[in-house]
Amino acid sequence: MGIGAGIFLIVVGAILAFAVADSVEGVDLVMIGYICMGAGVLALIIGLILNAMRSRTRHTERVERRDHPGDAV
């Protein structure tokens, strides 16, 4: 999950928790909304941490040269 998925889960969870007035028998939409918001916050934090770790890496290019014994210099 990336940053976009985390934001999406937060938005869907907030809609379910605060804006939906309907009820489904046997399903607590408010609790599902809170669970979605929690999962979205977790996904957002993990996405930001992974993105920060990815930007701190360095790549070094090594070129190896091998001279053959029969080549003239």
N, C-alpha and C. Protein backbone atom coordinates (compact mmCIF):
# COMPACT_ATOMS: atom_id res chain seq x y z
N MET A 1 0.84 -1.17 0.00
CA MET A 1 0.00 0.00 0.00
C MET A 1 0.88 1.24 0.00
N GLY A 2 0.46 2.19 -0.76
CA GLY A 2 1.22 3.41 -0.82
C GLY A 2 0.52 4.55 -0.10
N ILE A 3 1.04 5.73 -0.35
CA ILE A 3 0.49 6.92 0.27
C ILE A 3 -0.93 7.18 -0.22
N GLY A 4 -1.17 6.98 -1.50
CA GLY A 4 -2.50 7.20 -2.06
C GLY A 4 -3.55 6.25 -1.49
N ALA A 5 -3.16 5.01 -1.30
CA ALA A 5 -4.10 4.04 -0.72
C ALA A 5 -4.41 4.39 0.73
N GLY A 6 -3.42 4.88 1.46
CA GLY A 6 -3.66 5.29 2.84
C GLY A 6 -4.63 6.46 2.93
N ILE A 7 -4.45 7.44 2.05
CA ILE A 7 -5.36 8.59 2.02
C ILE A 7 -6.76 8.13 1.64
N PHE A 8 -6.85 7.23 0.67
CA PHE A 8 -8.15 6.71 0.25
C PHE A 8 -8.87 6.02 1.42
N LEU A 9 -8.16 5.19 2.17
CA LEU A 9 -8.77 4.50 3.31
C LEU A 9 -9.22 5.48 4.39
N ILE A 10 -8.44 6.52 4.61
CA ILE A 10 -8.83 7.52 5.60
C ILE A 10 -10.12 8.22 5.17
N VAL A 11 -10.21 8.58 3.90
CA VAL A 11 -11.41 9.27 3.40
C VAL A 11 -12.63 8.36 3.47
N VAL A 12 -12.49 7.12 3.01
CA VAL A 12 -13.62 6.19 3.06
C VAL A 12 -14.04 5.93 4.50
N GLY A 13 -13.08 5.78 5.39
CA GLY A 13 -13.39 5.55 6.79
C GLY A 13 -14.10 6.74 7.43
N ALA A 14 -13.67 7.94 7.08
CA ALA A 14 -14.32 9.13 7.63
C ALA A 14 -15.75 9.25 7.11
N ILE A 15 -15.96 8.92 5.86
CA ILE A 15 -17.32 8.96 5.30
C ILE A 15 -18.20 7.95 6.02
N LEU A 16 -17.69 6.74 6.21
CA LEU A 16 -18.49 5.71 6.89
C LEU A 16 -18.75 6.06 8.35
N ALA A 17 -17.76 6.65 9.02
CA ALA A 17 -17.91 6.92 10.44
C ALA A 17 -18.76 8.15 10.73
N PHE A 18 -18.67 9.18 9.89
CA PHE A 18 -19.30 10.45 10.23
C PHE A 18 -20.45 10.86 9.33
N ALA A 19 -20.50 10.37 8.09
CA ALA A 19 -21.48 10.90 7.14
C ALA A 19 -22.60 9.94 6.80
N VAL A 20 -22.43 8.67 7.05
CA VAL A 20 -23.46 7.70 6.67
C VAL A 20 -24.44 7.54 7.84
N ALA A 21 -25.71 7.78 7.56
CA ALA A 21 -26.73 7.65 8.60
C ALA A 21 -27.53 6.35 8.46
N ASP A 22 -27.34 5.63 7.38
CA ASP A 22 -28.05 4.37 7.19
C ASP A 22 -27.48 3.30 8.11
N SER A 23 -28.26 2.26 8.28
CA SER A 23 -27.77 1.15 9.09
C SER A 23 -28.00 -0.15 8.33
N VAL A 24 -27.07 -1.04 8.50
CA VAL A 24 -27.15 -2.37 7.90
C VAL A 24 -27.25 -3.35 9.06
N GLU A 25 -28.20 -4.25 8.98
CA GLU A 25 -28.42 -5.18 10.07
C GLU A 25 -27.19 -6.07 10.26
N GLY A 26 -26.68 -6.07 11.45
CA GLY A 26 -25.54 -6.91 11.77
C GLY A 26 -24.19 -6.29 11.45
N VAL A 27 -24.17 -5.07 10.91
CA VAL A 27 -22.92 -4.41 10.54
C VAL A 27 -22.90 -3.03 11.18
N ASP A 28 -21.86 -2.74 11.92
CA ASP A 28 -21.69 -1.42 12.54
C ASP A 28 -20.82 -0.57 11.61
N LEU A 29 -21.45 0.30 10.83
CA LEU A 29 -20.71 1.10 9.85
C LEU A 29 -19.77 2.10 10.50
N VAL A 30 -20.12 2.57 11.67
CA VAL A 30 -19.23 3.51 12.37
C VAL A 30 -17.93 2.82 12.75
N MET A 31 -18.03 1.60 13.27
CA MET A 31 -16.82 0.86 13.65
C MET A 31 -15.98 0.51 12.42
N ILE A 32 -16.63 0.13 11.34
CA ILE A 32 -15.90 -0.16 10.11
C ILE A 32 -15.20 1.10 9.62
N GLY A 33 -15.85 2.25 9.77
CA GLY A 33 -15.22 3.52 9.40
C GLY A 33 -13.98 3.80 10.22
N TYR A 34 -14.06 3.57 11.53
CA TYR A 34 -12.89 3.78 12.39
C TYR A 34 -11.76 2.81 12.05
N ILE A 35 -12.11 1.59 11.73
CA ILE A 35 -11.10 0.60 11.35
C ILE A 35 -10.42 1.01 10.04
N CYS A 36 -11.21 1.49 9.09
CA CYS A 36 -10.64 1.95 7.81
C CYS A 36 -9.73 3.15 8.03
N MET A 37 -10.14 4.07 8.89
CA MET A 37 -9.29 5.23 9.16
C MET A 37 -7.99 4.82 9.84
N GLY A 38 -8.06 3.88 10.76
CA GLY A 38 -6.84 3.39 11.41
C GLY A 38 -5.90 2.69 10.44
N ALA A 39 -6.48 1.86 9.57
CA ALA A 39 -5.66 1.19 8.56
C ALA A 39 -5.06 2.20 7.59
N GLY A 40 -5.81 3.25 7.26
CA GLY A 40 -5.31 4.28 6.37
C GLY A 40 -4.16 5.06 6.98
N VAL A 41 -4.28 5.39 8.26
CA VAL A 41 -3.18 6.09 8.94
C VAL A 41 -1.95 5.22 8.99
N LEU A 42 -2.12 3.95 9.29
CA LEU A 42 -1.00 3.01 9.32
C LEU A 42 -0.34 2.89 7.94
N ALA A 43 -1.15 2.76 6.89
CA ALA A 43 -0.61 2.66 5.54
C ALA A 43 0.11 3.94 5.14
N LEU A 44 -0.42 5.08 5.55
CA LEU A 44 0.21 6.36 5.23
C LEU A 44 1.56 6.49 5.93
N ILE A 45 1.63 6.11 7.18
CA ILE A 45 2.89 6.18 7.92
C ILE A 45 3.93 5.24 7.32
N ILE A 46 3.51 4.01 7.02
CA ILE A 46 4.45 3.04 6.43
C ILE A 46 4.91 3.52 5.06
N GLY A 47 4.01 4.07 4.26
CA GLY A 47 4.38 4.58 2.95
C GLY A 47 5.37 5.73 3.04
N LEU A 48 5.18 6.63 3.99
CA LEU A 48 6.11 7.75 4.16
C LEU A 48 7.47 7.28 4.65
N ILE A 49 7.49 6.30 5.55
CA ILE A 49 8.77 5.77 6.04
C ILE A 49 9.52 5.08 4.91
N LEU A 50 8.82 4.25 4.13
CA LEU A 50 9.50 3.56 3.02
C LEU A 50 9.99 4.54 1.97
N ASN A 51 9.22 5.59 1.72
CA ASN A 51 9.64 6.60 0.75
C ASN A 51 10.87 7.35 1.25
N ALA A 52 10.93 7.66 2.53
CA ALA A 52 12.10 8.34 3.09
C ALA A 52 13.33 7.43 3.05
N MET A 53 13.14 6.15 3.32
CA MET A 53 14.28 5.22 3.28
C MET A 53 14.79 5.06 1.85
N ARG A 54 13.89 5.06 0.89
CA ARG A 54 14.28 4.91 -0.51
C ARG A 54 15.08 6.11 -1.00
N SER A 55 14.78 7.30 -0.50
CA SER A 55 15.47 8.50 -0.98
C SER A 55 16.84 8.67 -0.33
N ARG A 56 17.12 7.95 0.75
CA ARG A 56 18.42 8.07 1.41
C ARG A 56 19.47 7.14 0.85
N THR A 57 19.12 6.26 -0.06
CA THR A 57 20.09 5.30 -0.56
C THR A 57 20.99 5.95 -1.60
N ARG A 58 22.21 5.44 -1.70
CA ARG A 58 23.15 5.91 -2.69
C ARG A 58 23.51 4.75 -3.60
N HIS A 59 23.71 5.07 -4.84
CA HIS A 59 24.11 4.05 -5.81
C HIS A 59 25.48 4.44 -6.37
N THR A 60 26.39 3.50 -6.34
CA THR A 60 27.73 3.73 -6.85
C THR A 60 27.94 2.82 -8.05
N GLU A 61 28.40 3.42 -9.12
CA GLU A 61 28.65 2.63 -10.33
C GLU A 61 30.13 2.29 -10.37
N ARG A 62 30.41 1.03 -10.56
CA ARG A 62 31.80 0.57 -10.66
C ARG A 62 32.01 0.01 -12.05
N VAL A 63 33.05 0.48 -12.67
CA VAL A 63 33.42 -0.01 -14.00
C VAL A 63 34.71 -0.79 -13.84
N GLU A 64 34.64 -2.03 -14.25
CA GLU A 64 35.81 -2.90 -14.11
C GLU A 64 36.46 -3.06 -15.47
N ARG A 65 37.75 -2.83 -15.52
CA ARG A 65 38.48 -2.93 -16.78
C ARG A 65 39.50 -4.05 -16.65
N ARG A 66 39.46 -4.91 -17.63
CA ARG A 66 40.42 -6.02 -17.62
C ARG A 66 41.22 -5.96 -18.91
N ASP A 67 42.50 -5.89 -18.76
CA ASP A 67 43.38 -5.90 -19.93
C ASP A 67 43.78 -7.34 -20.23
N HIS A 68 43.67 -7.68 -21.49
CA HIS A 68 44.07 -9.01 -21.92
C HIS A 68 45.57 -9.01 -22.17
N PRO A 69 46.24 -10.09 -21.89
CA PRO A 69 47.71 -10.13 -22.03
C PRO A 69 48.17 -9.89 -23.46
N GLY A 70 47.39 -10.20 -24.47
CA GLY A 70 47.81 -10.05 -25.85
C GLY A 70 47.54 -8.68 -26.42
N ASP A 71 46.86 -7.80 -25.72
CA ASP A 71 46.54 -6.47 -26.23
C ASP A 71 47.73 -5.53 -26.10
N ALA A 72 47.89 -4.70 -27.12
CA ALA A 72 48.97 -3.71 -27.07
C ALA A 72 48.49 -2.48 -26.30
N VAL A 73 49.40 -1.93 -25.54
CA VAL A 73 49.03 -0.79 -24.72
C VAL A 73 49.39 0.50 -25.38
